[in-house]
Amino acid sequence: MRRSLLIFLIFFICTSRSTSQELPFPLLGGKNKVVIPITYSNGFIYTELRINKLPPLRFIIDTGAEHTILFDKIYMDLLGLSPDTPIKIVGSDLSKTLEGLIYRNIGLEFKNTPPNPTDIVVLDQMNINFKDIIGEEIYGIIGMSFFKHMIVQVDYKRKKLIIKHPNQIDIPKGFSEIECLYFRNKPHILLTANDSSRVMLVDTGANVGSILYYKDQNTIPTSIPAGNIGNGLGGSLKGYVGFLENQKISEIEIGKLLCLYQKQDSLFQKIQKQFKRHGALGNRFLNQFDWIFDFHREKVYLRKNEKFKFEPQYNMSGMDIHVFGGALNQFFISSINEGSPADKVGLKRGDIIKNINGLPYLFLHINKIYNIISKKEGKRIKVIVERKGVRIKKRFKLDRYLEERLNS
């Protein structure tokens, strides 16, 4: 009996290892790992990707998406490819579905990697123009099924995506394994406070701090409308803004967390019947850590980086900025939050930014602007805007106006 059990264990271990090693990973090209450069801009991370040897296109890396998505069918037409089946996917606003077509076995490759045959979804239409938000043309989203069975490390500090073979299980120093759940290849972790816990999607496809879903507004501790609280595949996210106190991920204390409350509708309630989650953590929180997603073993590891702070970081001017112009180097105020420093000095939606703190708009990038207006409390901001052909100068100080409004 003992001898039979021993033989079974040896067989199980050997077959488990060989299965891991024999899984096909054309993306790795026979290597144990590949390193891909990424860009972080206004709460999104993206990289360049080739489709069947076409010139490189920029794709957002989205841990909150299952499918890899292309926004424009013209590239499939150029390649003479035909779709297989229609599909409906849910946008990040969780209120509507997007129509698309599945194309099978499309060769996708990063810089210096071989093609990886992948099924992709091509959308009929888009509800959001990412170039207005990021300052670059974006052509699609890389979903997590693309990395099925592999290990993926997101290194915000060094701006790298490190993709490893599943047999490379050595975890770098400083990383902690945290409790996690995977659903449709998308990672979820637990956010805890006191004796309560919430299942949160780890969503690099949303440029927010965190989102919690609610059914009834009376159940949330805030009535401050956030206007455009963030952006995702389905378009702008609407809701209310507040803060979560004394939050933890496993044993890692994260302090106060900016929270954007988003209303559930009937479509989202159908999704909840399949897998119950309470919200999502977006890039404006996630970028304070480095992450490792082991899709093969369904594990998640993280460690703090130099951006980590107990106080939530957010845009303390209160003005949301969008990009326009053929060269994507002009900027306008797309919205103003009530009671914010920008609102108090009379800046308005539609004002065209000509200069911030002595820097002309030609020398600015959307990232540079957000770094200036999110830097630190008390920082002086001098802005010159153009309104109906007239230049106007305004001065204000950054402050934590959201906390002030919530405490008043």
Protein backbone atom coordinates (compact mmCIF):
# COMPACT_ATOMS: atom_id res chain seq x y z
CA MET A 1 0.00 0.00 0.00
CA ARG A 2 2.73 2.46 0.96
CA ARG A 3 4.72 1.47 -2.14
CA SER A 4 1.67 2.11 -4.39
CA LEU A 5 1.09 5.49 -2.76
CA LEU A 6 4.74 6.43 -3.29
CA ILE A 7 4.57 5.44 -6.97
CA PHE A 8 1.40 7.55 -7.37
CA LEU A 9 3.01 10.61 -5.75
CA ILE A 10 6.13 10.31 -7.94
CA PHE A 11 3.92 9.99 -11.04
CA PHE A 12 1.79 13.00 -10.01
CA ILE A 13 4.81 15.24 -9.35
CA CYS A 14 6.53 14.28 -12.61
CA THR A 15 3.42 14.72 -14.75
CA SER A 16 2.62 18.06 -13.06
CA ARG A 17 6.09 19.40 -13.80
CA SER A 18 6.19 18.14 -17.36
CA THR A 19 2.74 19.58 -18.05
CA SER A 20 3.98 23.01 -16.89
CA GLN A 21 7.13 22.77 -18.99
CA GLU A 22 5.39 21.44 -22.11
CA LEU A 23 2.71 24.14 -22.29
CA PRO A 24 3.20 26.04 -25.57
CA PHE A 25 4.36 29.63 -25.07
CA PRO A 26 5.17 31.03 -28.53
CA LEU A 27 5.32 34.54 -27.05
CA LEU A 28 8.43 33.57 -25.06
CA GLY A 29 10.20 32.18 -28.12
CA GLY A 30 11.86 29.39 -26.15
CA LYS A 31 13.11 31.76 -23.43
CA ASN A 32 12.25 31.66 -19.74
CA LYS A 33 11.26 35.33 -19.73
CA VAL A 34 10.85 38.41 -21.91
CA VAL A 35 10.92 42.07 -20.81
CA ILE A 36 8.58 44.54 -22.51
CA PRO A 37 8.78 48.34 -22.07
CA ILE A 38 5.57 50.03 -20.90
CA THR A 39 4.40 53.63 -20.65
CA TYR A 40 2.32 55.04 -17.79
CA SER A 41 0.17 58.03 -18.74
CA ASN A 42 -2.73 59.62 -16.86
CA GLY A 43 -3.63 56.44 -15.00
CA PHE A 44 -3.17 53.92 -17.83
CA ILE A 45 -0.32 51.60 -18.80
CA TYR A 46 0.24 50.71 -22.44
CA THR A 47 2.77 49.18 -24.79
CA GLU A 48 3.24 48.55 -28.51
CA LEU A 49 1.95 45.42 -30.20
CA ARG A 50 2.09 44.15 -33.79
CA ILE A 51 -0.84 42.41 -35.50
CA ASN A 52 0.23 39.95 -38.21
CA LYS A 53 3.36 42.00 -38.99
CA LEU A 54 1.51 45.34 -39.36
CA PRO A 55 3.31 48.42 -37.97
CA PRO A 56 3.20 48.58 -34.11
CA LEU A 57 0.01 49.83 -32.46
CA ARG A 58 -0.42 51.00 -28.84
CA PHE A 59 -2.50 48.73 -26.59
CA ILE A 60 -3.55 49.29 -22.97
CA ILE A 61 -2.57 46.46 -20.61
CA ASP A 62 -5.82 45.69 -18.81
CA THR A 63 -5.91 43.17 -15.95
CA GLY A 64 -9.63 43.89 -15.67
CA ALA A 65 -10.34 42.53 -19.16
CA GLU A 66 -10.59 38.91 -20.21
CA HIS A 67 -10.35 39.45 -23.97
CA THR A 68 -7.79 41.20 -26.16
CA ILE A 69 -9.70 43.91 -28.03
CA LEU A 70 -9.02 45.92 -31.17
CA PHE A 71 -10.95 49.16 -31.58
CA ASP A 72 -10.98 49.44 -35.38
CA LYS A 73 -12.00 46.75 -37.90
CA ILE A 74 -9.96 48.42 -40.67
CA TYR A 75 -6.83 46.48 -39.65
CA MET A 76 -8.63 43.17 -40.10
CA ASP A 77 -9.86 44.35 -43.52
CA LEU A 78 -6.31 45.31 -44.53
CA LEU A 79 -5.19 41.77 -43.70
CA GLY A 80 -8.11 40.27 -45.59
CA LEU A 81 -9.37 38.45 -42.49
CA SER A 82 -12.95 37.44 -41.75
CA PRO A 83 -14.62 37.22 -38.34
CA ASP A 84 -15.78 33.99 -36.77
CA THR A 85 -18.62 34.83 -34.37
CA PRO A 86 -20.24 37.91 -32.78
CA ILE A 87 -19.79 38.59 -29.06
CA LYS A 88 -21.05 40.99 -26.41
CA ILE A 89 -18.74 42.30 -23.70
CA VAL A 90 -19.40 44.50 -20.68
CA GLY A 91 -17.70 47.90 -20.44
CA SER A 92 -16.14 49.15 -17.21
CA ASP A 93 -19.13 51.40 -16.57
CA LEU A 94 -21.06 48.12 -15.97
CA SER A 95 -24.22 49.62 -17.45
CA LYS A 96 -24.12 48.52 -21.08
CA THR A 97 -22.68 45.86 -23.38
CA LEU A 98 -20.43 46.49 -26.35
CA GLU A 99 -20.90 44.64 -29.64
CA GLY A 100 -17.92 42.94 -31.25
CA LEU A 101 -16.68 40.21 -33.58
CA ILE A 102 -14.22 37.43 -32.74
CA TYR A 103 -11.26 36.86 -35.07
CA ARG A 104 -9.38 33.58 -34.52
CA ASN A 105 -5.64 32.86 -34.27
CA ILE A 106 -4.35 36.36 -35.00
CA GLY A 107 -0.56 36.68 -34.62
CA LEU A 108 0.17 39.25 -31.90
CA GLU A 109 3.72 40.14 -30.90
CA PHE A 110 5.52 42.62 -28.68
CA LYS A 111 8.81 44.19 -29.68
CA ASN A 112 11.48 41.45 -30.08
CA THR A 113 9.03 38.59 -29.42
CA PRO A 114 7.64 36.01 -31.87
CA PRO A 115 3.94 36.06 -32.84
CA ASN A 116 1.51 34.58 -30.32
CA PRO A 117 -1.65 33.15 -32.02
CA THR A 118 -4.56 34.76 -30.18
CA ASP A 119 -8.31 35.17 -30.57
CA ILE A 120 -9.20 38.86 -30.49
CA VAL A 121 -12.42 40.87 -30.33
CA VAL A 122 -12.95 43.75 -32.75
CA LEU A 123 -15.49 46.31 -31.53
CA ASP A 124 -18.21 47.78 -33.74
CA GLN A 125 -17.88 51.16 -32.04
CA MET A 126 -16.06 52.82 -29.14
CA ASN A 127 -17.59 54.96 -26.40
CA ILE A 128 -14.32 56.60 -25.39
CA ASN A 129 -11.46 58.30 -27.20
CA PHE A 130 -8.35 57.41 -25.22
CA LYS A 131 -6.10 59.89 -27.03
CA ASP A 132 -8.01 62.78 -25.39
CA ILE A 133 -7.11 61.33 -21.98
CA ILE A 134 -3.66 59.82 -22.52
CA GLY A 135 -2.24 62.11 -25.20
CA GLU A 136 -1.50 59.17 -27.52
CA GLU A 137 -3.60 57.24 -30.02
CA ILE A 138 -4.67 53.92 -28.48
CA TYR A 139 -5.78 51.07 -30.72
CA GLY A 140 -6.82 48.33 -28.34
CA ILE A 141 -6.64 46.51 -25.01
CA ILE A 142 -4.57 43.46 -24.06
CA GLY A 143 -6.78 41.16 -21.97
CA MET A 144 -5.45 38.64 -19.48
CA SER A 145 -6.32 35.54 -21.51
CA PHE A 146 -3.32 36.59 -23.63
CA PHE A 147 -1.08 35.62 -20.67
CA LYS A 148 -2.89 32.41 -19.75
CA HIS A 149 -0.66 30.05 -17.69
CA MET A 150 2.23 32.56 -17.61
CA ILE A 151 3.67 34.75 -14.84
CA VAL A 152 3.39 38.52 -15.40
CA GLN A 153 5.18 41.18 -13.34
CA VAL A 154 4.11 44.82 -13.64
CA ASP A 155 7.00 47.07 -12.62
CA TYR A 156 5.73 50.66 -12.50
CA LYS A 157 9.04 52.11 -11.30
CA ARG A 158 11.20 50.68 -14.08
CA LYS A 159 8.34 50.84 -16.60
CA LYS A 160 8.60 47.18 -17.53
CA LEU A 161 6.28 44.25 -18.08
CA ILE A 162 8.17 41.03 -17.30
CA ILE A 163 6.61 37.84 -18.68
CA LYS A 164 7.93 34.51 -17.35
CA HIS A 165 7.47 30.82 -18.05
CA PRO A 166 5.45 29.17 -15.25
CA ASN A 167 8.47 27.15 -14.14
CA GLN A 168 10.20 30.43 -13.14
CA ILE A 169 8.57 30.59 -9.72
CA ASP A 170 11.36 32.40 -7.85
CA ILE A 171 9.74 35.49 -6.30
CA PRO A 172 11.99 38.57 -5.94
CA LYS A 173 12.86 39.89 -2.49
CA GLY A 174 10.28 42.05 -0.78
CA PHE A 175 7.18 40.59 -2.45
CA SER A 176 4.38 39.20 -0.28
CA GLU A 177 1.88 36.59 -1.38
CA ILE A 178 -1.65 37.80 -0.78
CA GLU A 179 -4.99 36.05 -0.76
CA CYS A 180 -6.55 36.18 -4.21
CA LEU A 181 -9.31 34.85 -6.45
CA TYR A 182 -9.22 34.48 -10.23
CA PHE A 183 -12.38 34.67 -12.32
CA ARG A 184 -12.14 34.39 -16.11
CA ASN A 185 -8.40 34.93 -15.81
CA LYS A 186 -8.90 38.27 -14.01
CA PRO A 187 -7.21 38.69 -10.60
CA HIS A 188 -9.21 39.72 -7.52
CA ILE A 189 -7.87 40.42 -4.02
CA LEU A 190 -9.39 41.11 -0.62
CA LEU A 191 -9.55 44.63 0.79
CA THR A 192 -10.18 44.53 4.54
CA ALA A 193 -11.06 46.94 7.33
CA ASN A 194 -11.80 45.82 10.87
CA ASP A 195 -13.85 42.62 10.50
CA SER A 196 -15.18 43.28 7.00
CA SER A 197 -13.66 42.36 3.66
CA ARG A 198 -14.43 43.18 0.05
CA VAL A 199 -13.54 41.32 -3.14
CA MET A 200 -11.81 43.84 -5.44
CA LEU A 201 -10.85 43.42 -9.08
CA VAL A 202 -7.23 44.42 -9.78
CA ASP A 203 -7.93 46.64 -12.79
CA THR A 204 -5.07 48.31 -14.67
CA GLY A 205 -7.64 49.31 -17.31
CA ALA A 206 -9.22 51.98 -15.06
CA ASN A 207 -7.55 55.30 -14.22
CA VAL A 208 -9.08 55.60 -10.73
CA GLY A 209 -7.99 54.88 -7.16
CA SER A 210 -10.78 52.52 -6.17
CA ILE A 211 -14.42 51.85 -7.02
CA LEU A 212 -17.14 50.41 -4.80
CA TYR A 213 -20.54 49.44 -6.20
CA TYR A 214 -23.79 50.36 -4.49
CA LYS A 215 -27.50 49.68 -5.01
CA ASP A 216 -29.01 52.44 -2.89
CA GLN A 217 -27.40 55.86 -2.39
CA ASN A 218 -28.57 55.85 1.24
CA THR A 219 -26.07 53.05 1.93
CA ILE A 220 -22.97 55.10 1.00
CA PRO A 221 -21.28 57.61 3.36
CA THR A 222 -21.14 60.49 0.88
CA SER A 223 -23.42 62.63 -1.27
CA ILE A 224 -20.68 64.49 -3.15
CA PRO A 225 -21.05 63.91 -6.90
CA ALA A 226 -17.72 63.20 -8.51
CA GLY A 227 -18.80 64.03 -12.06
CA ASN A 228 -16.40 62.22 -14.35
CA ILE A 229 -14.69 60.02 -11.76
CA GLY A 230 -12.58 58.10 -14.23
CA ASN A 231 -12.52 56.34 -17.58
CA GLY A 232 -12.62 52.82 -18.89
CA LEU A 233 -13.61 50.78 -21.92
CA GLY A 234 -17.31 51.60 -21.61
CA GLY A 235 -16.67 55.34 -21.35
CA SER A 236 -16.71 57.84 -18.48
CA LEU A 237 -17.49 56.51 -15.00
CA LYS A 238 -20.09 58.45 -13.01
CA GLY A 239 -20.79 58.38 -9.30
CA TYR A 240 -19.93 59.84 -5.90
CA VAL A 241 -16.61 60.38 -4.16
CA GLY A 242 -15.52 59.51 -0.63
CA PHE A 243 -12.72 57.89 1.38
CA LEU A 244 -12.17 54.50 2.98
CA GLU A 245 -10.24 54.58 6.27
CA ASN A 246 -7.77 52.06 7.78
CA GLN A 247 -7.70 49.71 4.82
CA LYS A 248 -5.46 46.65 4.51
CA ILE A 249 -4.48 44.15 1.86
CA SER A 250 -3.55 41.00 3.75
CA GLU A 251 -1.22 42.36 6.48
CA ILE A 252 -0.18 45.42 4.41
CA GLU A 253 -1.66 48.62 5.81
CA ILE A 254 -2.61 51.11 3.10
CA GLY A 255 -4.26 53.80 5.22
CA LYS A 256 -6.84 56.07 3.59
CA LEU A 257 -8.10 55.24 0.11
CA LEU A 258 -9.94 57.52 -2.32
CA CYS A 259 -13.19 55.74 -3.18
CA LEU A 260 -15.49 56.35 -6.12
CA TYR A 261 -18.99 54.93 -5.61
CA GLN A 262 -20.63 53.59 -8.76
CA LYS A 263 -24.28 52.54 -8.95
CA GLN A 264 -25.15 48.94 -9.80
CA ASP A 265 -27.78 48.38 -12.46
CA SER A 266 -29.64 45.30 -13.67
CA LEU A 267 -26.81 44.28 -16.02
CA PHE A 268 -24.24 44.32 -13.24
CA GLN A 269 -26.57 42.39 -10.94
CA LYS A 270 -26.63 39.59 -13.54
CA ILE A 271 -22.81 39.54 -13.48
CA GLN A 272 -22.85 39.39 -9.67
CA LYS A 273 -24.81 36.12 -9.84
CA GLN A 274 -21.83 34.55 -11.65
CA PHE A 275 -19.12 35.98 -9.41
CA LYS A 276 -19.68 38.39 -6.54
CA ARG A 277 -17.25 41.29 -6.35
CA HIS A 278 -17.62 44.54 -4.45
CA GLY A 279 -15.47 46.89 -6.50
CA ALA A 280 -12.15 47.47 -8.23
CA LEU A 281 -8.71 48.91 -7.57
CA GLY A 282 -7.43 51.10 -10.40
CA ASN A 283 -4.03 52.33 -11.53
CA ARG A 284 -3.99 55.45 -9.37
CA PHE A 285 -3.79 53.11 -6.40
CA LEU A 286 -2.06 50.11 -8.00
CA ASN A 287 0.95 52.17 -9.16
CA GLN A 288 2.13 52.45 -5.52
CA PHE A 289 3.07 48.76 -5.71
CA ASP A 290 4.85 46.33 -7.99
CA TRP A 291 2.69 43.31 -8.85
CA ILE A 292 3.27 39.70 -9.88
CA PHE A 293 0.35 37.74 -11.31
CA ASP A 294 0.91 33.99 -11.52
CA PHE A 295 -1.89 33.01 -13.88
CA HIS A 296 -0.77 29.38 -13.91
CA ARG A 297 -1.10 28.83 -10.15
CA GLU A 298 -3.63 31.64 -9.59
CA LYS A 299 -1.50 33.56 -7.13
CA VAL A 300 -0.80 37.29 -6.62
CA TYR A 301 2.29 38.92 -5.05
CA LEU A 302 2.97 42.60 -4.36
CA ARG A 303 5.45 44.97 -2.73
CA LYS A 304 5.39 48.68 -2.02
CA ASN A 305 7.40 50.99 -4.24
CA GLU A 306 8.68 54.54 -3.66
CA LYS A 307 5.32 56.06 -4.63
CA PHE A 308 3.52 54.49 -1.67
CA LYS A 309 1.84 56.97 0.71
CA PHE A 310 -0.79 56.59 3.42
CA GLU A 311 -2.54 59.76 2.22
CA PRO A 312 -4.46 59.23 -1.02
CA GLN A 313 -2.97 61.05 -4.01
CA TYR A 314 -5.41 62.83 -6.27
CA ASN A 315 -5.83 65.86 -8.47
CA MET A 316 -6.01 68.67 -5.89
CA SER A 317 -6.87 71.38 -8.42
CA GLY A 318 -10.32 69.96 -9.19
CA MET A 319 -9.99 70.42 -12.95
CA ASP A 320 -10.02 67.51 -15.38
CA ILE A 321 -7.81 68.01 -18.44
CA HIS A 322 -8.20 66.61 -21.96
CA VAL A 323 -5.91 66.75 -24.99
CA PHE A 324 -6.78 68.03 -28.45
CA GLY A 325 -5.15 69.22 -31.69
CA GLY A 326 -3.50 67.37 -34.54
CA ALA A 327 -0.19 67.13 -32.66
CA LEU A 328 -1.96 66.24 -29.38
CA ASN A 329 -0.14 69.09 -27.61
CA GLN A 330 -3.04 71.39 -26.71
CA PHE A 331 -5.15 71.07 -23.58
CA PHE A 332 -8.56 72.16 -22.32
CA ILE A 333 -10.48 71.88 -19.06
CA SER A 334 -13.12 69.18 -19.63
CA SER A 335 -14.77 69.49 -16.19
CA ILE A 336 -14.46 71.34 -12.88
CA ASN A 337 -15.37 69.85 -9.49
CA GLU A 338 -17.57 72.05 -7.36
CA GLY A 339 -15.80 73.68 -4.41
CA SER A 340 -12.31 72.88 -5.74
CA PRO A 341 -9.47 75.46 -5.92
CA ALA A 342 -9.94 75.80 -9.70
CA ASP A 343 -13.69 76.33 -9.24
CA LYS A 344 -13.18 78.97 -6.53
CA VAL A 345 -11.00 81.19 -8.75
CA GLY A 346 -13.44 81.02 -11.64
CA LEU A 347 -11.86 78.59 -14.07
CA LYS A 348 -14.48 77.04 -16.35
CA ARG A 349 -15.15 73.99 -18.47
CA GLY A 350 -13.85 74.63 -21.99
CA ASP A 351 -11.01 76.96 -20.96
CA ILE A 352 -7.95 76.30 -23.13
CA ILE A 353 -4.72 76.02 -21.14
CA LYS A 354 -1.89 78.16 -22.52
CA ASN A 355 0.57 78.08 -19.62
CA ILE A 356 0.96 76.39 -16.22
CA ASN A 357 3.58 77.58 -13.74
CA GLY A 358 5.58 79.27 -16.49
CA LEU A 359 5.51 76.31 -18.89
CA PRO A 360 3.88 77.06 -22.28
CA TYR A 361 1.48 74.41 -23.56
CA LEU A 362 3.91 73.40 -26.34
CA PHE A 363 6.30 72.12 -23.65
CA LEU A 364 3.62 70.26 -21.71
CA HIS A 365 2.30 66.70 -21.79
CA ILE A 366 -0.83 65.41 -20.09
CA ASN A 367 1.35 63.54 -17.57
CA LYS A 368 3.31 66.71 -16.79
CA ILE A 369 0.12 68.67 -16.13
CA TYR A 370 -1.29 66.02 -13.77
CA ASN A 371 2.04 65.79 -11.94
CA ILE A 372 1.88 69.54 -11.34
CA ILE A 373 -1.73 69.62 -10.10
CA SER A 374 -1.42 66.48 -7.94
CA LYS A 375 2.00 67.19 -6.42
CA LYS A 376 1.41 68.33 -2.85
CA GLU A 377 -0.98 70.33 -0.73
CA GLY A 378 -0.22 74.06 -0.64
CA LYS A 379 1.64 74.14 -3.97
CA ARG A 380 1.01 77.41 -5.81
CA ILE A 381 -0.44 77.11 -9.30
CA LYS A 382 -0.35 79.90 -11.88
CA VAL A 383 -2.38 79.17 -14.98
CA ILE A 384 -3.10 81.16 -18.14
CA VAL A 385 -6.19 80.07 -20.08
CA GLU A 386 -7.89 81.29 -23.22
CA ARG A 387 -11.66 81.81 -23.08
CA LYS A 388 -13.51 83.03 -26.19
CA GLY A 389 -10.29 84.50 -27.57
CA VAL A 390 -9.36 86.31 -24.34
CA ARG A 391 -6.39 85.30 -22.17
CA ILE A 392 -7.11 85.07 -18.44
CA LYS A 393 -4.62 84.60 -15.58
CA LYS A 394 -5.58 82.70 -12.43
CA ARG A 395 -3.69 81.75 -9.27
CA PHE A 396 -4.63 79.21 -6.60
CA LYS A 397 -3.14 76.74 -4.13
CA LEU A 398 -3.66 73.00 -4.25
CA ASP A 399 -5.63 71.67 -1.30
CA ARG A 400 -7.42 68.54 -0.17
CA TYR A 401 -10.80 70.01 -0.98
CA LEU A 402 -12.51 66.62 -1.10
CA GLU A 403 -11.74 65.90 2.56
CA GLU A 404 -12.85 69.42 3.49
CA ARG A 405 -16.18 68.98 1.71
CA LEU A 406 -16.77 65.57 3.27
CA ASN A 407 -16.00 66.90 6.76
CA SER A 408 -18.10 70.06 6.44
